[in-house]
C-alpha atoms as a PDB file:
ATOM      1  CA  UNK A   1    -152.966 -19.617  19.673  1.00  0.00           C
ATOM      2  CA  UNK A   2    -150.396 -22.026  18.554  1.00  0.00           C
ATOM      3  CA  UNK A   3    -150.458 -25.623  19.982  1.00  0.00           C
ATOM      4  CA  UNK A   4    -147.510 -28.002  21.238  1.00  0.00           C
ATOM      5  CA  UNK A   5    -147.709 -31.309  22.391  1.00  0.00           C
ATOM      6  CA  UNK A   6    -144.868 -33.836  23.797  1.00  0.00           C
ATOM      7  CA  UNK A   7    -145.093 -35.383  26.898  1.00  0.00           C
ATOM      8  CA  UNK A   8    -143.215 -38.709  26.311  1.00  0.00           C
ATOM      9  CA  UNK A   9    -142.804 -38.573  22.600  1.00  0.00           C
ATOM     10  CA  UNK A  10    -140.019 -40.305  20.927  1.00  0.00           C
ATOM     11  CA  UNK A  11    -140.537 -42.163  18.079  1.00  0.00           C
ATOM     12  CA  UNK A  12    -141.930 -41.377  14.533  1.00  0.00           C
ATOM     13  CA  UNK A  13    -145.014 -43.672  15.254  1.00  0.00           C
ATOM     14  CA  UNK A  14    -146.332 -41.272  18.440  1.00  0.00           C
ATOM     15  CA  UNK A  15    -145.665 -38.151  16.279  1.00  0.00           C
ATOM     16  CA  UNK A  16    -147.713 -39.524  13.368  1.00  0.00           C
ATOM     17  CA  UNK A  17    -150.701 -40.252  15.649  1.00  0.00           C
ATOM     18  CA  UNK A  18    -150.862 -36.739  17.494  1.00  0.00           C
ATOM     19  CA  UNK A  19    -149.579 -34.598  14.526  1.00  0.00           C
ATOM     20  CA  UNK A  20    -153.292 -33.532  13.423  1.00  0.00           C
ATOM     21  CA  UNK A  21    -153.899 -32.524  16.981  1.00  0.00           C
ATOM     22  CA  UNK A  22    -151.047 -29.660  17.388  1.00  0.00           C
ATOM     23  CA  UNK A  23    -149.439 -27.514  15.942  1.00  0.00           C
ATOM     24  CA  UNK A  24    -145.816 -28.478  16.869  1.00  0.00           C
ATOM     25  CA  UNK A  25    -144.158 -30.923  19.107  1.00  0.00           C
ATOM     26  CA  UNK A  26    -141.692 -31.175  21.770  1.00  0.00           C
ATOM     27  CA  UNK A  27    -139.300 -34.167  21.910  1.00  0.00           C
ATOM     28  CA  UNK A  28    -136.626 -32.981  24.721  1.00  0.00           C
ATOM     29  CA  UNK A  29    -136.146 -36.464  26.756  1.00  0.00           C
ATOM     30  CA  UNK A  30    -135.292 -37.581  23.547  1.00  0.00           C
ATOM     31  CA  UNK A  31    -132.856 -35.310  22.438  1.00  0.00           C
ATOM     32  CA  UNK A  32    -131.058 -35.576  25.799  1.00  0.00           C
ATOM     33  CA  UNK A  33    -131.010 -39.395  25.384  1.00  0.00           C
ATOM     34  CA  UNK A  34    -129.784 -39.641  22.120  1.00  0.00           C
ATOM     35  CA  UNK A  35    -126.839 -37.085  23.367  1.00  0.00           C
ATOM     36  CA  UNK A  36    -126.550 -38.931  26.616  1.00  0.00           C
ATOM     37  CA  UNK A  37    -126.298 -42.715  24.921  1.00  0.00           C
ATOM     38  CA  UNK A  38    -123.967 -41.354  22.095  1.00  0.00           C
ATOM     39  CA  UNK A  39    -120.358 -42.496  22.241  1.00  0.00           C
ATOM     40  CA  UNK A  40    -119.451 -38.661  21.825  1.00  0.00           C
ATOM     41  CA  UNK A  41    -121.004 -35.263  22.241  1.00  0.00           C
ATOM     42  CA  UNK A  42    -120.476 -35.112  18.425  1.00  0.00           C
ATOM     43  CA  UNK A  43    -121.885 -38.413  17.966  1.00  0.00           C
ATOM     44  CA  UNK A  44    -125.056 -37.198  19.885  1.00  0.00           C
ATOM     45  CA  UNK A  45    -125.451 -34.185  17.820  1.00  0.00           C
ATOM     46  CA  UNK A  46    -125.516 -36.065  14.727  1.00  0.00           C
ATOM     47  CA  UNK A  47    -128.361 -38.254  16.017  1.00  0.00           C
ATOM     48  CA  UNK A  48    -130.097 -35.232  16.993  1.00  0.00           C
ATOM     49  CA  UNK A  49    -130.053 -33.899  13.656  1.00  0.00           C
ATOM     50  CA  UNK A  50    -131.028 -37.270  11.912  1.00  0.00           C
ATOM     51  CA  UNK A  51    -134.006 -37.753  14.344  1.00  0.00           C
ATOM     52  CA  UNK A  52    -134.974 -33.927  14.088  1.00  0.00           C
ATOM     53  CA  UNK A  53    -134.869 -34.290  10.211  1.00  0.00           C
ATOM     54  CA  UNK A  54    -136.764 -37.514  10.307  1.00  0.00           C
ATOM     55  CA  UNK A  55    -139.683 -36.178  12.250  1.00  0.00           C
ATOM     56  CA  UNK A  56    -139.814 -32.915  10.756  1.00  0.00           C
ATOM     57  CA  UNK A  57    -140.783 -34.308   7.183  1.00  0.00           C
ATOM     58  CA  UNK A  58    -143.707 -35.914   9.203  1.00  0.00           C
ATOM     59  CA  UNK A  59    -145.152 -32.328   9.878  1.00  0.00           C
ATOM     60  CA  UNK A  60    -144.313 -30.565   7.211  1.00  0.00           C
ATOM     61  CA  UNK A  61    -148.102 -29.350   5.741  1.00  0.00           C
END
């Protein structure tokens, strides 16, 4: 049974700390914040893309 963790995760350092204890992460609040803080929706989506690419590299086995 896969285990995903994610309450309050918002940066690479936090993800690095928990990656050995789970199979996946949940970063919903961070993604929403990136979209809402951007100058435009399109820019927000680009910020989300950059963030998810950067954290996905941490989780690769």
